[in-house]
Amino acid sequence: MEVRFPRMAKKKVTLSIDEDLLSEVKKLVALEGGNLSRVVEEYFEGLVFERWIHELCASLDLGELEPTSELDVPLSRPRGLNAAEIVRELREGRTKEYGS
């Protein structure tokens, strides 16, 4: 999920980052056609968004919500009836009742 904040004036900052790490990140960003400023800004936006989510959850008495991805959703669904099995039984019943 990408969160965008209203664009305000940009502010230059100075960061001290491990030289080897910075070199690797620059390579990755270049491969994706992005720029380092955008990567840092997106990370900051993520931090602010995470804080906002925690505050929202607290105000709604939801407790701590665990982040999920689209891959986690099917795994977290409650187990119940097997849809494939039910459809098979319905088809078999129809076949017996109507033939063919």
N, C-alpha and C. Protein backbone atom coordinates (compact mmCIF):
# COMPACT_ATOMS: atom_id res chain seq x y z
N MET A 1 0.84 -1.16 0.00
CA MET A 1 0.00 0.00 0.00
C MET A 1 0.89 1.23 0.00
N GLU A 2 0.61 2.11 -0.92
CA GLU A 2 1.42 3.32 -1.00
C GLU A 2 0.59 4.49 -0.48
N VAL A 3 1.13 5.20 0.47
CA VAL A 3 0.44 6.35 1.05
C VAL A 3 1.13 7.61 0.56
N ARG A 4 0.36 8.53 0.10
CA ARG A 4 0.92 9.80 -0.37
C ARG A 4 0.43 10.93 0.52
N PHE A 5 1.35 11.75 0.94
CA PHE A 5 1.02 12.91 1.74
C PHE A 5 0.97 14.12 0.82
N PRO A 6 0.19 15.12 1.20
CA PRO A 6 0.16 16.34 0.37
C PRO A 6 1.58 16.88 0.20
N ARG A 7 1.91 17.29 -1.00
CA ARG A 7 3.26 17.77 -1.28
C ARG A 7 3.46 19.17 -0.74
N MET A 8 4.46 19.29 0.06
CA MET A 8 4.84 20.58 0.62
C MET A 8 6.22 20.93 0.05
N ALA A 9 6.75 22.03 0.51
CA ALA A 9 8.10 22.42 0.09
C ALA A 9 9.09 21.35 0.54
N LYS A 10 10.06 21.11 -0.29
CA LYS A 10 11.09 20.12 0.03
C LYS A 10 12.14 20.74 0.95
N LYS A 11 12.73 19.91 1.78
CA LYS A 11 13.77 20.36 2.71
C LYS A 11 14.99 19.48 2.51
N LYS A 12 16.14 20.08 2.27
CA LYS A 12 17.39 19.31 2.14
C LYS A 12 17.84 18.86 3.51
N VAL A 13 18.35 17.63 3.58
CA VAL A 13 18.86 17.10 4.84
C VAL A 13 20.23 16.47 4.58
N THR A 14 21.00 16.36 5.63
CA THR A 14 22.30 15.70 5.54
C THR A 14 22.22 14.44 6.38
N LEU A 15 22.59 13.32 5.79
CA LEU A 15 22.56 12.03 6.48
C LEU A 15 23.95 11.43 6.50
N SER A 16 24.24 10.70 7.55
CA SER A 16 25.49 9.93 7.62
C SER A 16 25.11 8.47 7.49
N ILE A 17 25.53 7.86 6.39
CA ILE A 17 25.16 6.48 6.08
C ILE A 17 26.42 5.70 5.72
N ASP A 18 26.48 4.46 6.16
CA ASP A 18 27.61 3.59 5.83
C ASP A 18 27.85 3.64 4.32
N GLU A 19 29.09 3.85 3.93
CA GLU A 19 29.45 4.03 2.53
C GLU A 19 29.09 2.82 1.66
N ASP A 20 29.38 1.61 2.14
CA ASP A 20 29.07 0.41 1.37
C ASP A 20 27.56 0.23 1.22
N LEU A 21 26.84 0.48 2.29
CA LEU A 21 25.38 0.37 2.24
C LEU A 21 24.81 1.37 1.24
N LEU A 22 25.27 2.59 1.30
CA LEU A 22 24.81 3.63 0.39
C LEU A 22 25.09 3.25 -1.06
N SER A 23 26.26 2.71 -1.31
CA SER A 23 26.62 2.30 -2.67
C SER A 23 25.66 1.23 -3.19
N GLU A 24 25.36 0.24 -2.35
CA GLU A 24 24.45 -0.83 -2.76
C GLU A 24 23.04 -0.30 -2.99
N VAL A 25 22.58 0.56 -2.11
CA VAL A 25 21.24 1.13 -2.26
C VAL A 25 21.15 1.96 -3.54
N LYS A 26 22.17 2.74 -3.83
CA LYS A 26 22.17 3.54 -5.06
C LYS A 26 22.06 2.65 -6.29
N LYS A 27 22.75 1.50 -6.28
CA LYS A 27 22.67 0.56 -7.40
C LYS A 27 21.26 0.03 -7.56
N LEU A 28 20.65 -0.37 -6.44
CA LEU A 28 19.29 -0.89 -6.49
C LEU A 28 18.30 0.15 -6.99
N VAL A 29 18.43 1.36 -6.48
CA VAL A 29 17.53 2.44 -6.88
C VAL A 29 17.71 2.74 -8.37
N ALA A 30 18.94 2.75 -8.85
CA ALA A 30 19.21 3.02 -10.26
C ALA A 30 18.58 1.94 -11.14
N LEU A 31 18.64 0.69 -10.71
CA LEU A 31 18.04 -0.40 -11.48
C LEU A 31 16.53 -0.23 -11.61
N GLU A 32 15.91 0.35 -10.60
CA GLU A 32 14.47 0.55 -10.61
C GLU A 32 14.07 1.89 -11.23
N GLY A 33 15.06 2.66 -11.63
CA GLY A 33 14.78 3.95 -12.26
C GLY A 33 14.29 5.01 -11.28
N GLY A 34 14.61 4.85 -10.02
CA GLY A 34 14.17 5.81 -9.01
C GLY A 34 15.29 6.73 -8.60
N ASN A 35 15.07 7.39 -7.47
CA ASN A 35 16.14 8.22 -6.93
C ASN A 35 16.17 8.06 -5.42
N LEU A 36 17.32 8.31 -4.86
CA LEU A 36 17.56 8.08 -3.44
C LEU A 36 16.65 8.94 -2.56
N SER A 37 16.42 10.17 -2.96
CA SER A 37 15.54 11.05 -2.18
C SER A 37 14.14 10.45 -2.06
N ARG A 38 13.65 9.89 -3.16
CA ARG A 38 12.30 9.30 -3.15
C ARG A 38 12.27 8.08 -2.23
N VAL A 39 13.32 7.27 -2.23
CA VAL A 39 13.37 6.09 -1.36
C VAL A 39 13.31 6.51 0.10
N VAL A 40 14.09 7.51 0.46
CA VAL A 40 14.10 7.99 1.85
C VAL A 40 12.74 8.58 2.20
N GLU A 41 12.17 9.36 1.30
CA GLU A 41 10.86 9.97 1.55
C GLU A 41 9.78 8.90 1.73
N GLU A 42 9.79 7.86 0.90
CA GLU A 42 8.82 6.78 1.03
C GLU A 42 8.97 6.06 2.37
N TYR A 43 10.21 5.88 2.81
CA TYR A 43 10.44 5.24 4.10
C TYR A 43 9.86 6.10 5.22
N PHE A 44 10.11 7.40 5.16
CA PHE A 44 9.58 8.31 6.18
C PHE A 44 8.05 8.29 6.17
N GLU A 45 7.46 8.28 4.97
CA GLU A 45 6.00 8.21 4.87
C GLU A 45 5.48 6.93 5.52
N GLY A 46 6.20 5.83 5.32
CA GLY A 46 5.81 4.56 5.93
C GLY A 46 5.83 4.64 7.45
N LEU A 47 6.85 5.29 8.00
CA LEU A 47 6.93 5.46 9.45
C LEU A 47 5.75 6.26 9.99
N VAL A 48 5.43 7.36 9.30
CA VAL A 48 4.32 8.20 9.73
C VAL A 48 3.00 7.44 9.61
N PHE A 49 2.84 6.71 8.52
CA PHE A 49 1.61 5.94 8.30
C PHE A 49 1.46 4.86 9.38
N GLU A 50 2.55 4.18 9.71
CA GLU A 50 2.51 3.15 10.75
C GLU A 50 2.08 3.75 12.08
N ARG A 51 2.61 4.90 12.40
CA ARG A 51 2.23 5.59 13.64
C ARG A 51 0.75 5.94 13.62
N TRP A 52 0.26 6.42 12.48
CA TRP A 52 -1.14 6.78 12.33
C TRP A 52 -2.03 5.55 12.53
N ILE A 53 -1.64 4.42 11.96
CA ILE A 53 -2.40 3.18 12.12
C ILE A 53 -2.46 2.78 13.59
N HIS A 54 -1.34 2.84 14.29
CA HIS A 54 -1.31 2.48 15.72
C HIS A 54 -2.24 3.39 16.52
N GLU A 55 -2.21 4.68 16.23
CA GLU A 55 -3.07 5.62 16.94
C GLU A 55 -4.55 5.37 16.62
N LEU A 56 -4.85 5.06 15.36
CA LEU A 56 -6.22 4.75 14.97
C LEU A 56 -6.71 3.49 15.67
N CYS A 57 -5.88 2.46 15.70
CA CYS A 57 -6.25 1.21 16.38
C CYS A 57 -6.50 1.45 17.86
N ALA A 58 -5.68 2.27 18.47
CA ALA A 58 -5.85 2.58 19.89
C ALA A 58 -7.16 3.33 20.12
N SER A 59 -7.48 4.28 19.24
CA SER A 59 -8.71 5.06 19.42
C SER A 59 -9.95 4.21 19.19
N LEU A 60 -9.83 3.13 18.42
CA LEU A 60 -10.96 2.23 18.15
C LEU A 60 -10.95 1.00 19.05
N ASP A 61 -10.03 0.97 20.01
CA ASP A 61 -9.88 -0.17 20.93
C ASP A 61 -9.67 -1.49 20.19
N LEU A 62 -8.86 -1.45 19.15
CA LEU A 62 -8.59 -2.66 18.37
C LEU A 62 -7.34 -3.39 18.85
N GLY A 63 -6.61 -2.79 19.76
CA GLY A 63 -5.36 -3.40 20.20
C GLY A 63 -4.32 -3.29 19.10
N GLU A 64 -3.37 -4.20 19.13
CA GLU A 64 -2.30 -4.20 18.13
C GLU A 64 -2.72 -5.05 16.94
N LEU A 65 -2.69 -4.49 15.76
CA LEU A 65 -2.98 -5.25 14.55
C LEU A 65 -1.67 -5.67 13.92
N GLU A 66 -1.61 -6.89 13.50
CA GLU A 66 -0.42 -7.39 12.82
C GLU A 66 -0.51 -7.04 11.34
N PRO A 67 0.56 -6.57 10.75
CA PRO A 67 0.53 -6.29 9.31
C PRO A 67 0.34 -7.58 8.53
N THR A 68 -0.41 -7.50 7.46
CA THR A 68 -0.64 -8.67 6.62
C THR A 68 -0.36 -8.32 5.18
N SER A 69 -0.07 -9.33 4.42
CA SER A 69 0.09 -9.16 2.98
C SER A 69 -1.00 -9.99 2.32
N GLU A 70 -1.12 -9.85 1.03
CA GLU A 70 -2.14 -10.63 0.31
C GLU A 70 -1.89 -12.13 0.44
N LEU A 71 -0.66 -12.52 0.72
CA LEU A 71 -0.35 -13.94 0.90
C LEU A 71 -0.78 -14.44 2.28
N ASP A 72 -0.82 -13.54 3.27
CA ASP A 72 -1.21 -13.92 4.63
C ASP A 72 -2.71 -14.10 4.79
N VAL A 73 -3.50 -13.39 3.98
CA VAL A 73 -4.94 -13.40 4.16
C VAL A 73 -5.54 -14.79 4.06
N PRO A 74 -5.28 -15.57 3.00
CA PRO A 74 -5.87 -16.91 2.94
C PRO A 74 -5.46 -17.80 4.11
N LEU A 75 -4.24 -17.62 4.60
CA LEU A 75 -3.76 -18.44 5.71
C LEU A 75 -4.46 -18.09 7.02
N SER A 76 -4.94 -16.86 7.14
CA SER A 76 -5.57 -16.44 8.39
C SER A 76 -7.08 -16.63 8.40
N ARG A 77 -7.65 -17.03 7.27
CA ARG A 77 -9.10 -17.25 7.22
C ARG A 77 -9.48 -18.44 8.07
N PRO A 78 -10.64 -18.35 8.73
CA PRO A 78 -11.07 -19.50 9.53
C PRO A 78 -11.36 -20.70 8.63
N ARG A 79 -11.04 -21.85 9.13
CA ARG A 79 -11.30 -23.07 8.38
C ARG A 79 -12.76 -23.46 8.57
N GLY A 80 -13.38 -23.85 7.51
CA GLY A 80 -14.79 -24.22 7.58
C GLY A 80 -15.08 -25.27 6.54
N LEU A 81 -16.16 -25.05 5.84
CA LEU A 81 -16.58 -25.99 4.82
C LEU A 81 -15.64 -25.94 3.63
N ASN A 82 -15.47 -27.08 2.99
CA ASN A 82 -14.64 -27.18 1.81
C ASN A 82 -15.52 -26.94 0.59
N ALA A 83 -15.38 -25.79 -0.05
CA ALA A 83 -16.24 -25.42 -1.17
C ALA A 83 -16.15 -26.42 -2.31
N ALA A 84 -14.95 -26.88 -2.63
CA ALA A 84 -14.79 -27.84 -3.73
C ALA A 84 -15.56 -29.12 -3.45
N GLU A 85 -15.51 -29.57 -2.21
CA GLU A 85 -16.21 -30.79 -1.82
C GLU A 85 -17.72 -30.60 -1.92
N ILE A 86 -18.22 -29.46 -1.50
CA ILE A 86 -19.66 -29.19 -1.56
C ILE A 86 -20.13 -29.14 -3.00
N VAL A 87 -19.39 -28.47 -3.87
CA VAL A 87 -19.76 -28.39 -5.29
C VAL A 87 -19.77 -29.77 -5.90
N ARG A 88 -18.79 -30.59 -5.57
CA ARG A 88 -18.73 -31.96 -6.08
C ARG A 88 -19.98 -32.74 -5.66
N GLU A 89 -20.36 -32.63 -4.40
CA GLU A 89 -21.55 -33.32 -3.90
C GLU A 89 -22.81 -32.83 -4.60
N LEU A 90 -22.92 -31.53 -4.82
CA LEU A 90 -24.08 -30.99 -5.53
C LEU A 90 -24.15 -31.52 -6.96
N ARG A 91 -23.02 -31.56 -7.64
CA ARG A 91 -22.98 -32.07 -9.01
C ARG A 91 -23.35 -33.54 -9.06
N GLU A 92 -22.81 -34.30 -8.12
CA GLU A 92 -23.13 -35.73 -8.07
C GLU A 92 -24.62 -35.93 -7.81
N GLY A 93 -25.20 -35.14 -6.91
CA GLY A 93 -26.63 -35.23 -6.62
C GLY A 93 -27.46 -34.87 -7.83
N ARG A 94 -27.07 -33.84 -8.57
CA ARG A 94 -27.78 -33.45 -9.77
C ARG A 94 -27.69 -34.54 -10.83
N THR A 95 -26.51 -35.13 -10.93
CA THR A 95 -26.32 -36.20 -11.91
C THR A 95 -27.23 -37.38 -11.60
N LYS A 96 -27.32 -37.75 -10.34
CA LYS A 96 -28.19 -38.87 -9.95
C LYS A 96 -29.65 -38.53 -10.19
N GLU A 97 -30.04 -37.29 -9.92
CA GLU A 97 -31.44 -36.89 -10.04
C GLU A 97 -31.86 -36.72 -11.49
N TYR A 98 -31.02 -36.12 -12.31
CA TYR A 98 -31.40 -35.80 -13.68
C TYR A 98 -30.69 -36.66 -14.71
N GLY A 99 -29.76 -37.45 -14.30
CA GLY A 99 -28.98 -38.26 -15.24
C GLY A 99 -27.99 -37.40 -16.00
N SER A 100 -26.96 -38.06 -16.48
CA SER A 100 -25.93 -37.41 -17.29
C SER A 100 -25.08 -36.51 -16.51
